C-alpha atoms as a PDB file:
ATOM      1  CA  UNK A   1      90.234  31.819 195.220  1.00  0.00           C
ATOM      2  CA  UNK A   2      92.092  28.389 194.736  1.00  0.00           C
ATOM      3  CA  UNK A   3      92.045  27.388 191.273  1.00  0.00           C
ATOM      4  CA  UNK A   4      92.155  23.378 189.820  1.00  0.00           C
ATOM      5  CA  UNK A   5      92.849  22.074 186.408  1.00  0.00           C
ATOM      6  CA  UNK A   6      91.617  18.355 185.985  1.00  0.00           C
ATOM      7  CA  UNK A   7      91.980  16.493 183.006  1.00  0.00           C
ATOM      8  CA  UNK A   8      89.399  13.532 181.909  1.00  0.00           C
ATOM      9  CA  UNK A   9      86.669  15.941 183.459  1.00  0.00           C
ATOM     10  CA  UNK A  10      84.078  15.020 181.452  1.00  0.00           C
ATOM     11  CA  UNK A  11      83.019  11.736 183.024  1.00  0.00           C
ATOM     12  CA  UNK A  12      83.798   9.429 186.171  1.00  0.00           C
ATOM     13  CA  UNK A  13      85.991  10.553 188.883  1.00  0.00           C
ATOM     14  CA  UNK A  14      87.409  13.348 187.228  1.00  0.00           C
ATOM     15  CA  UNK A  15      83.811  14.581 186.596  1.00  0.00           C
ATOM     16  CA  UNK A  16      82.999  13.489 190.389  1.00  0.00           C
ATOM     17  CA  UNK A  17      85.918  15.701 191.523  1.00  0.00           C
ATOM     18  CA  UNK A  18      84.960  18.835 189.309  1.00  0.00           C
ATOM     19  CA  UNK A  19      81.190  18.868 190.239  1.00  0.00           C
ATOM     20  CA  UNK A  20      82.233  18.308 193.900  1.00  0.00           C
ATOM     21  CA  UNK A  21      84.747  21.397 193.943  1.00  0.00           C
ATOM     22  CA  UNK A  22      81.642  23.658 192.084  1.00  0.00           C
ATOM     23  CA  UNK A  23      79.472  23.108 195.132  1.00  0.00           C
ATOM     24  CA  UNK A  24      81.664  26.035 196.780  1.00  0.00           C
ATOM     25  CA  UNK A  25      81.537  29.175 195.131  1.00  0.00           C
ATOM     26  CA  UNK A  26      85.056  29.971 196.309  1.00  0.00           C
ATOM     27  CA  UNK A  27      86.739  27.437 194.055  1.00  0.00           C
ATOM     28  CA  UNK A  28      87.803  28.360 190.530  1.00  0.00           C
ATOM     29  CA  UNK A  29      87.911  25.106 188.187  1.00  0.00           C
ATOM     30  CA  UNK A  30      88.947  24.603 184.603  1.00  0.00           C
ATOM     31  CA  UNK A  31      88.114  20.696 183.052  1.00  0.00           C
ATOM     32  CA  UNK A  32      90.519  19.559 180.819  1.00  0.00           C
ATOM     33  CA  UNK A  33      88.517  17.670 178.197  1.00  0.00           C
ATOM     34  CA  UNK A  34      88.686  15.723 174.914  1.00  0.00           C
ATOM     35  CA  UNK A  35      85.573  17.054 173.801  1.00  0.00           C
ATOM     36  CA  UNK A  36      84.082  19.981 175.371  1.00  0.00           C
ATOM     37  CA  UNK A  37      80.723  19.405 173.839  1.00  0.00           C
ATOM     38  CA  UNK A  38      80.024  16.559 175.931  1.00  0.00           C
ATOM     39  CA  UNK A  39      76.784  16.393 177.882  1.00  0.00           C
ATOM     40  CA  UNK A  40      78.434  16.616 181.237  1.00  0.00           C
ATOM     41  CA  UNK A  41      80.539  19.595 180.578  1.00  0.00           C
ATOM     42  CA  UNK A  42      77.781  21.789 178.733  1.00  0.00           C
ATOM     43  CA  UNK A  43      75.547  20.698 182.025  1.00  0.00           C
ATOM     44  CA  UNK A  44      78.318  22.336 184.335  1.00  0.00           C
ATOM     45  CA  UNK A  45      78.770  25.405 182.096  1.00  0.00           C
ATOM     46  CA  UNK A  46      75.169  26.248 182.479  1.00  0.00           C
ATOM     47  CA  UNK A  47      75.098  25.918 186.419  1.00  0.00           C
ATOM     48  CA  UNK A  48      78.484  27.896 187.107  1.00  0.00           C
ATOM     49  CA  UNK A  49      79.376  31.174 185.985  1.00  0.00           C
ATOM     50  CA  UNK A  50      82.516  31.819 183.991  1.00  0.00           C
ATOM     51  CA  UNK A  51      84.092  33.590 186.832  1.00  0.00           C
ATOM     52  CA  UNK A  52      83.998  29.763 188.623  1.00  0.00           C
ATOM     53  CA  UNK A  53      84.218  27.295 185.506  1.00  0.00           C
ATOM     54  CA  UNK A  54      85.953  27.311 182.573  1.00  0.00           C
ATOM     55  CA  UNK A  55      86.824  24.685 180.036  1.00  0.00           C
ATOM     56  CA  UNK A  56      89.798  23.477 177.936  1.00  0.00           C
ATOM     57  CA  UNK A  57      90.859  20.796 175.448  1.00  0.00           C
ATOM     58  CA  UNK A  58      93.314  18.852 176.245  1.00  0.00           C
ATOM     59  CA  UNK A  59      93.846  15.080 174.213  1.00  0.00           C
ATOM     60  CA  UNK A  60      96.270  12.543 175.787  1.00  0.00           C
ATOM     61  CA  UNK A  61      96.487  11.486 172.476  1.00  0.00           C
ATOM     62  CA  UNK A  62      97.533  14.504 171.258  1.00  0.00           C
ATOM     63  CA  UNK A  63     100.462  16.254 173.032  1.00  0.00           C
ATOM     64  CA  UNK A  64     100.009  19.368 170.921  1.00  0.00           C
ATOM     65  CA  UNK A  65      96.614  19.845 172.768  1.00  0.00           C
ATOM     66  CA  UNK A  66      98.148  19.927 176.012  1.00  0.00           C
ATOM     67  CA  UNK A  67     100.397  23.022 175.065  1.00  0.00           C
ATOM     68  CA  UNK A  68      97.606  24.757 173.801  1.00  0.00           C
ATOM     69  CA  UNK A  69      95.767  23.942 176.981  1.00  0.00           C
ATOM     70  CA  UNK A  70      98.149  25.271 179.128  1.00  0.00           C
ATOM     71  CA  UNK A  71      98.182  28.806 177.059  1.00  0.00           C
ATOM     72  CA  UNK A  72      94.669  29.147 177.070  1.00  0.00           C
ATOM     73  CA  UNK A  73      94.709  28.778 180.801  1.00  0.00           C
ATOM     74  CA  UNK A  74      97.494  31.323 181.296  1.00  0.00           C
ATOM     75  CA  UNK A  75      95.264  33.322 180.100  1.00  0.00           C
ATOM     76  CA  UNK A  76      92.484  32.970 182.774  1.00  0.00           C
ATOM     77  CA  UNK A  77      94.991  31.943 185.674  1.00  0.00           C
ATOM     78  CA  UNK A  78      96.444  34.960 186.496  1.00  0.00           C
ATOM     79  CA  UNK A  79      97.327  33.807 189.980  1.00  0.00           C
ATOM     80  CA  UNK A  80      98.897  30.636 188.774  1.00  0.00           C
ATOM     81  CA  UNK A  81      97.084  27.062 189.064  1.00  0.00           C
ATOM     82  CA  UNK A  82      96.924  25.491 192.686  1.00  0.00           C
ATOM     83  CA  UNK A  83      96.135  22.406 191.564  1.00  0.00           C
ATOM     84  CA  UNK A  84      97.053  20.189 188.866  1.00  0.00           C
ATOM     85  CA  UNK A  85      95.524  16.871 188.839  1.00  0.00           C
ATOM     86  CA  UNK A  86      96.215  14.550 185.860  1.00  0.00           C
ATOM     87  CA  UNK A  87      93.435  12.120 185.801  1.00  0.00           C
ATOM     88  CA  UNK A  88      92.714  11.162 182.549  1.00  0.00           C
ATOM     89  CA  UNK A  89      93.748   7.785 181.496  1.00  0.00           C
ATOM     90  CA  UNK A  90      92.171   4.407 179.413  1.00  0.00           C
ATOM     91  CA  UNK A  91      91.982   1.042 179.578  1.00  0.00           C
ATOM     92  CA  UNK A  92      91.470  -0.235 175.810  1.00  0.00           C
ATOM     93  CA  UNK A  93      91.515  -4.146 176.097  1.00  0.00           C
ATOM     94  CA  UNK A  94      88.987  -6.125 178.051  1.00  0.00           C
ATOM     95  CA  UNK A  95      91.098  -7.751 180.515  1.00  0.00           C
ATOM     96  CA  UNK A  96      93.302  -9.876 178.290  1.00  0.00           C
ATOM     97  CA  UNK A  97      95.560 -12.752 179.237  1.00  0.00           C
ATOM     98  CA  UNK A  98      99.407 -12.606 178.825  1.00  0.00           C
ATOM     99  CA  UNK A  99      98.729 -14.457 175.757  1.00  0.00           C
ATOM    100  CA  UNK A 100      96.613 -11.994 173.931  1.00  0.00           C
ATOM    101  CA  UNK A 101      97.849  -8.871 174.479  1.00  0.00           C
ATOM    102  CA  UNK A 102      97.210  -6.572 171.806  1.00  0.00           C
ATOM    103  CA  UNK A 103     100.926  -5.016 171.903  1.00  0.00           C
ATOM    104  CA  UNK A 104      99.702  -2.262 169.496  1.00  0.00           C
ATOM    105  CA  UNK A 105      96.895  -1.191 171.755  1.00  0.00           C
ATOM    106  CA  UNK A 106      99.034  -1.411 174.387  1.00  0.00           C
ATOM    107  CA  UNK A 107     101.743   1.462 172.970  1.00  0.00           C
ATOM    108  CA  UNK A 108      98.287   3.345 172.911  1.00  0.00           C
ATOM    109  CA  UNK A 109      97.656   3.129 176.428  1.00  0.00           C
ATOM    110  CA  UNK A 110     101.193   3.218 177.705  1.00  0.00           C
ATOM    111  CA  UNK A 111     101.331   6.251 175.546  1.00  0.00           C
ATOM    112  CA  UNK A 112      98.403   8.009 177.020  1.00  0.00           C
ATOM    113  CA  UNK A 113      98.524   6.654 180.421  1.00  0.00           C
ATOM    114  CA  UNK A 114     102.583   6.800 181.186  1.00  0.00           C
ATOM    115  CA  UNK A 115     104.001   9.434 178.513  1.00  0.00           C
ATOM    116  CA  UNK A 116     101.095  12.161 178.244  1.00  0.00           C
ATOM    117  CA  UNK A 117     100.924  12.805 181.843  1.00  0.00           C
ATOM    118  CA  UNK A 118     104.796  14.114 181.357  1.00  0.00           C
ATOM    119  CA  UNK A 119     103.491  16.394 179.142  1.00  0.00           C
ATOM    120  CA  UNK A 120     100.959  17.789 181.010  1.00  0.00           C
ATOM    121  CA  UNK A 121     103.263  18.323 184.016  1.00  0.00           C
ATOM    122  CA  UNK A 122     105.685  20.056 181.808  1.00  0.00           C
ATOM    123  CA  UNK A 123     103.209  22.356 180.178  1.00  0.00           C
ATOM    124  CA  UNK A 124     101.693  23.478 183.244  1.00  0.00           C
ATOM    125  CA  UNK A 125     104.147  23.499 185.879  1.00  0.00           C
ATOM    126  CA  UNK A 126     104.875  27.011 185.337  1.00  0.00           C
ATOM    127  CA  UNK A 127     101.280  28.025 186.411  1.00  0.00           C
ATOM    128  CA  UNK A 128     101.610  25.862 189.115  1.00  0.00           C
ATOM    129  CA  UNK A 129     104.932  27.516 190.546  1.00  0.00           C
ATOM    130  CA  UNK A 130     103.185  30.825 190.184  1.00  0.00           C
ATOM    131  CA  UNK A 131     100.386  29.632 192.584  1.00  0.00           C
ATOM    132  CA  UNK A 132      99.860  29.582 196.365  1.00  0.00           C
ATOM    133  CA  UNK A 133      98.919  25.417 196.877  1.00  0.00           C
ATOM    134  CA  UNK A 134     101.618  24.220 194.603  1.00  0.00           C
ATOM    135  CA  UNK A 135     100.191  20.716 193.902  1.00  0.00           C
ATOM    136  CA  UNK A 136     100.354  18.316 191.193  1.00  0.00           C
ATOM    137  CA  UNK A 137      98.408  15.132 191.666  1.00  0.00           C
ATOM    138  CA  UNK A 138      98.420  12.070 190.021  1.00  0.00           C
ATOM    139  CA  UNK A 139      95.608   9.468 190.003  1.00  0.00           C
ATOM    140  CA  UNK A 140      96.928   5.956 189.701  1.00  0.00           C
ATOM    141  CA  UNK A 141      95.764   2.589 191.169  1.00  0.00           C
ATOM    142  CA  UNK A 142      96.671  -0.305 193.586  1.00  0.00           C
ATOM    143  CA  UNK A 143      96.775  -2.445 190.792  1.00  0.00           C
ATOM    144  CA  UNK A 144     100.249  -0.508 189.726  1.00  0.00           C
ATOM    145  CA  UNK A 145     101.689  -2.041 193.209  1.00  0.00           C
ATOM    146  CA  UNK A 146     104.723  -4.480 192.756  1.00  0.00           C
ATOM    147  CA  UNK A 147     104.055  -6.275 195.969  1.00  0.00           C
ATOM    148  CA  UNK A 148     100.282  -6.358 195.701  1.00  0.00           C
ATOM    149  CA  UNK A 149     100.847  -7.627 192.023  1.00  0.00           C
ATOM    150  CA  UNK A 150     100.818 -11.226 192.557  1.00  0.00           C
ATOM    151  CA  UNK A 151      97.622 -11.023 194.175  1.00  0.00           C
ATOM    152  CA  UNK A 152      95.843  -9.973 191.367  1.00  0.00           C
ATOM    153  CA  UNK A 153      98.334 -11.471 188.552  1.00  0.00           C
ATOM    154  CA  UNK A 154      96.249 -11.808 185.408  1.00  0.00           C
ATOM    155  CA  UNK A 155      93.817  -8.473 186.655  1.00  0.00           C
ATOM    156  CA  UNK A 156      94.115  -5.695 183.948  1.00  0.00           C
ATOM    157  CA  UNK A 157      97.558  -6.354 183.296  1.00  0.00           C
ATOM    158  CA  UNK A 158      98.128  -3.604 180.637  1.00  0.00           C
ATOM    159  CA  UNK A 159      96.666  -0.963 182.531  1.00  0.00           C
ATOM    160  CA  UNK A 160      98.375  -1.834 185.722  1.00  0.00           C
ATOM    161  CA  UNK A 161     101.664  -1.972 183.780  1.00  0.00           C
ATOM    162  CA  UNK A 162     100.678   1.505 182.455  1.00  0.00           C
ATOM    163  CA  UNK A 163     100.439   2.806 186.070  1.00  0.00           C
ATOM    164  CA  UNK A 164     103.170   1.285 187.370  1.00  0.00           C
ATOM    165  CA  UNK A 165     105.364   3.880 185.003  1.00  0.00           C
ATOM    166  CA  UNK A 166     103.418   6.714 185.729  1.00  0.00           C
ATOM    167  CA  UNK A 167     103.884   5.765 189.847  1.00  0.00           C
ATOM    168  CA  UNK A 168     107.903   5.716 189.110  1.00  0.00           C
ATOM    169  CA  UNK A 169     107.142   8.924 187.032  1.00  0.00           C
ATOM    170  CA  UNK A 170     105.720  10.668 190.051  1.00  0.00           C
ATOM    171  CA  UNK A 171     108.068   9.538 192.838  1.00  0.00           C
ATOM    172  CA  UNK A 172     111.032  10.675 191.168  1.00  0.00           C
ATOM    173  CA  UNK A 173     109.667  14.046 189.743  1.00  0.00           C
ATOM    174  CA  UNK A 174     108.467  14.587 193.255  1.00  0.00           C
ATOM    175  CA  UNK A 175     112.001  14.624 194.541  1.00  0.00           C
ATOM    176  CA  UNK A 176     112.672  17.240 192.189  1.00  0.00           C
ATOM    177  CA  UNK A 177     109.652  19.614 192.588  1.00  0.00           C
ATOM    178  CA  UNK A 178     109.866  18.998 196.170  1.00  0.00           C
ATOM    179  CA  UNK A 179     113.375  21.476 196.113  1.00  0.00           C
ATOM    180  CA  UNK A 180     111.147  23.916 194.575  1.00  0.00           C
ATOM    181  CA  UNK A 181     108.178  23.531 197.475  1.00  0.00           C
ATOM    182  CA  UNK A 182     106.004  21.920 195.022  1.00  0.00           C
ATOM    183  CA  UNK A 183     104.095  18.507 196.643  1.00  0.00           C
ATOM    184  CA  UNK A 184     102.934  15.877 194.597  1.00  0.00           C
ATOM    185  CA  UNK A 185     100.254  13.394 195.312  1.00  0.00           C
ATOM    186  CA  UNK A 186      99.550  10.177 194.308  1.00  0.00           C
ATOM    187  CA  UNK A 187      96.651   8.557 194.709  1.00  0.00           C
ATOM    188  CA  UNK A 188      94.377   5.433 194.401  1.00  0.00           C
ATOM    189  CA  UNK A 189      91.301   6.680 194.585  1.00  0.00           C
ATOM    190  CA  UNK A 190      89.053   3.232 195.324  1.00  0.00           C
ATOM    191  CA  UNK A 191      89.488   1.795 198.851  1.00  0.00           C
ATOM    192  CA  UNK A 192      92.157  -0.630 200.314  1.00  0.00           C
ATOM    193  CA  UNK A 193      93.986  -1.696 203.640  1.00  0.00           C
ATOM    194  CA  UNK A 194      97.148  -2.226 204.899  1.00  0.00           C
ATOM    195  CA  UNK A 195      95.622  -5.666 206.372  1.00  0.00           C
ATOM    196  CA  UNK A 196      94.831  -6.967 202.785  1.00  0.00           C
ATOM    197  CA  UNK A 197      98.029  -6.036 201.562  1.00  0.00           C
ATOM    198  CA  UNK A 198     100.089  -7.596 204.086  1.00  0.00           C
ATOM    199  CA  UNK A 199      97.843 -10.937 203.708  1.00  0.00           C
ATOM    200  CA  UNK A 200      98.287 -10.659 200.165  1.00  0.00           C
ATOM    201  CA  UNK A 201      95.386 -13.706 199.214  1.00  0.00           C
ATOM    202  CA  UNK A 202      92.640 -11.439 201.062  1.00  0.00           C
ATOM    203  CA  UNK A 203      91.055  -9.691 198.841  1.00  0.00           C
ATOM    204  CA  UNK A 204      88.204  -8.487 201.456  1.00  0.00           C
ATOM    205  CA  UNK A 205      88.847  -4.746 201.329  1.00  0.00           C
ATOM    206  CA  UNK A 206      90.112  -4.378 197.624  1.00  0.00           C
ATOM    207  CA  UNK A 207      87.887  -2.173 195.482  1.00  0.00           C
ATOM    208  CA  UNK A 208      87.148   0.025 192.750  1.00  0.00           C
ATOM    209  CA  UNK A 209      85.255   3.028 191.690  1.00  0.00           C
ATOM    210  CA  UNK A 210      82.106   2.353 189.734  1.00  0.00           C
ATOM    211  CA  UNK A 211      83.051   4.076 187.000  1.00  0.00           C
ATOM    212  CA  UNK A 212      82.844   2.949 182.712  1.00  0.00           C
ATOM    213  CA  UNK A 213      86.738   1.988 183.627  1.00  0.00           C
ATOM    214  CA  UNK A 214      86.281   0.428 186.789  1.00  0.00           C
ATOM    215  CA  UNK A 215      83.334  -1.551 184.777  1.00  0.00           C
ATOM    216  CA  UNK A 216      85.874  -3.532 183.208  1.00  0.00           C
ATOM    217  CA  UNK A 217      87.221  -5.400 186.123  1.00  0.00           C
ATOM    218  CA  UNK A 218      83.737  -5.700 187.469  1.00  0.00           C
ATOM    219  CA  UNK A 219      83.932  -9.370 186.516  1.00  0.00           C
ATOM    220  CA  UNK A 220      87.189 -10.452 187.525  1.00  0.00           C
ATOM    221  CA  UNK A 221      86.283  -9.366 191.059  1.00  0.00           C
ATOM    222  CA  UNK A 222      82.847 -11.071 190.884  1.00  0.00           C
ATOM    223  CA  UNK A 223      84.860 -14.049 190.524  1.00  0.00           C
ATOM    224  CA  UNK A 224      87.532 -13.480 193.232  1.00  0.00           C
ATOM    225  CA  UNK A 225      85.199 -11.628 195.794  1.00  0.00           C
ATOM    226  CA  UNK A 226      81.553 -11.869 195.422  1.00  0.00           C
ATOM    227  CA  UNK A 227      80.675  -9.636 197.984  1.00  0.00           C
ATOM    228  CA  UNK A 228      83.103  -6.768 197.103  1.00  0.00           C
ATOM    229  CA  UNK A 229      81.552  -3.828 195.968  1.00  0.00           C
ATOM    230  CA  UNK A 230      82.680  -0.845 194.019  1.00  0.00           C
ATOM    231  CA  UNK A 231      82.396   2.572 195.920  1.00  0.00           C
ATOM    232  CA  UNK A 232      80.494   5.692 194.301  1.00  0.00           C
ATOM    233  CA  UNK A 233      81.995   8.366 192.611  1.00  0.00           C
ATOM    234  CA  UNK A 234      80.882  10.574 194.985  1.00  0.00           C
ATOM    235  CA  UNK A 235      82.654   8.875 197.795  1.00  0.00           C
ATOM    236  CA  UNK A 236      85.514   9.127 196.122  1.00  0.00           C
ATOM    237  CA  UNK A 237      85.906  12.493 194.907  1.00  0.00           C
ATOM    238  CA  UNK A 238      85.038  13.777 198.404  1.00  0.00           C
ATOM    239  CA  UNK A 239      87.925  11.493 199.760  1.00  0.00           C
ATOM    240  CA  UNK A 240      90.496  12.368 196.996  1.00  0.00           C
ATOM    241  CA  UNK A 241      90.114  15.739 197.473  1.00  0.00           C
ATOM    242  CA  UNK A 242      90.511  15.458 201.448  1.00  0.00           C
ATOM    243  CA  UNK A 243      93.480  13.957 200.643  1.00  0.00           C
ATOM    244  CA  UNK A 244      94.930  16.176 198.333  1.00  0.00           C
ATOM    245  CA  UNK A 245      94.091  19.038 200.647  1.00  0.00           C
ATOM    246  CA  UNK A 246      96.079  17.794 203.342  1.00  0.00           C
ATOM    247  CA  UNK A 247      98.695  15.976 201.502  1.00  0.00           C
ATOM    248  CA  UNK A 248     102.547  17.656 203.154  1.00  0.00           C
ATOM    249  CA  UNK A 249     105.043  18.391 201.166  1.00  0.00           C
ATOM    250  CA  UNK A 250     107.385  15.517 201.083  1.00  0.00           C
ATOM    251  CA  UNK A 251     110.435  14.318 199.718  1.00  0.00           C
ATOM    252  CA  UNK A 252     109.736  10.728 199.362  1.00  0.00           C
ATOM    253  CA  UNK A 253     106.058  10.529 198.531  1.00  0.00           C
ATOM    254  CA  UNK A 254     103.976   7.442 199.501  1.00  0.00           C
ATOM    255  CA  UNK A 255     101.059   5.813 197.593  1.00  0.00           C
ATOM    256  CA  UNK A 256      97.625   6.927 199.536  1.00  0.00           C
ATOM    257  CA  UNK A 257      93.936   5.196 199.034  1.00  0.00           C
ATOM    258  CA  UNK A 258      90.926   7.458 198.644  1.00  0.00           C
ATOM    259  CA  UNK A 259      90.606   7.068 202.636  1.00  0.00           C
ATOM    260  CA  UNK A 260      94.654   7.795 203.190  1.00  0.00           C
ATOM    261  CA  UNK A 261      95.667   4.510 204.113  1.00  0.00           C
ATOM    262  CA  UNK A 262      99.591   4.296 202.649  1.00  0.00           C
ATOM    263  CA  UNK A 263      99.971   1.306 200.254  1.00  0.00           C
ATOM    264  CA  UNK A 264     102.859  -0.381 198.982  1.00  0.00           C
ATOM    265  CA  UNK A 265     104.442   0.675 195.833  1.00  0.00           C
END
C-alpha cells in the first residue's frame, strides 16, 4: 500500500490531492494540517477508514510541531513514507508594490514558505528512506522563475521571492538525495507552456489554480489577460499526481507544470 503525507491538506490543492488519492483504496494518506478539526478533514475522516486515512498536526509557523508530527507518523508508517508532499504555503499580502511590502509580514512568509520545508524534509527523511518509492515533492510556482520574472514583475512579489528560495533549496538538495536513490520533484500546479516562456510578453497560457490562495492574483490577471481562466483543483490534483508518479530519479531536476511541461528556473 503506497503511503502519502501531504502538508496543507485541509484546503486547496493539498485537499484536492488527498481527496484524489483516497479514491483508490490501495493508497494510505496522511493529512498533515494546522487544524485537525477543520470541516474538510473531519469529512474525509468520516468517509474513509483508519487503515486508509490518518491525520497529524503540522503548523509551518511552529517548527516543533513538525518533529512531533514525524514521531506520530512513524508509528503508523512501519514501512516508511513513499511520498512526502510539501504543499503548505501562504501569501499574506494582497499583491503589494515594492514600496509597500510589509517587511515583517514578508519575514513570516519567508519562514513558512522557504524555511519550514527544510524542517519538514529533515524530520520525515528517515521515513522516506525506509520506503519503496522514495519521493520528496515541493509545490512551487512559475512566479518564482527568474527568467519569467520580468513578464510578471508586479505580481505577488513577496510570494514569488519565497518560492524562488524554495526552488533553490529543492534543486540543491535533490542533487544530494539523488545519491541515496531519493527522487525530488518540484511542481508548478497550474498551467503554462514553453512558447509563452520564450515569448516573454505573451500571457495566453499562464495560469493559476482556482483556490483561496490563487484568488489573490485574480484581479492582476484579469487586467493583464481577461481571457485567462484558472484550472480547477480537481484537474490540478489529478495532473500533479501523474507527474509525481512518473518523475524519474535525477540529479539535476527541472521545474514542471501540472501537464508535465518543463519550465525555466
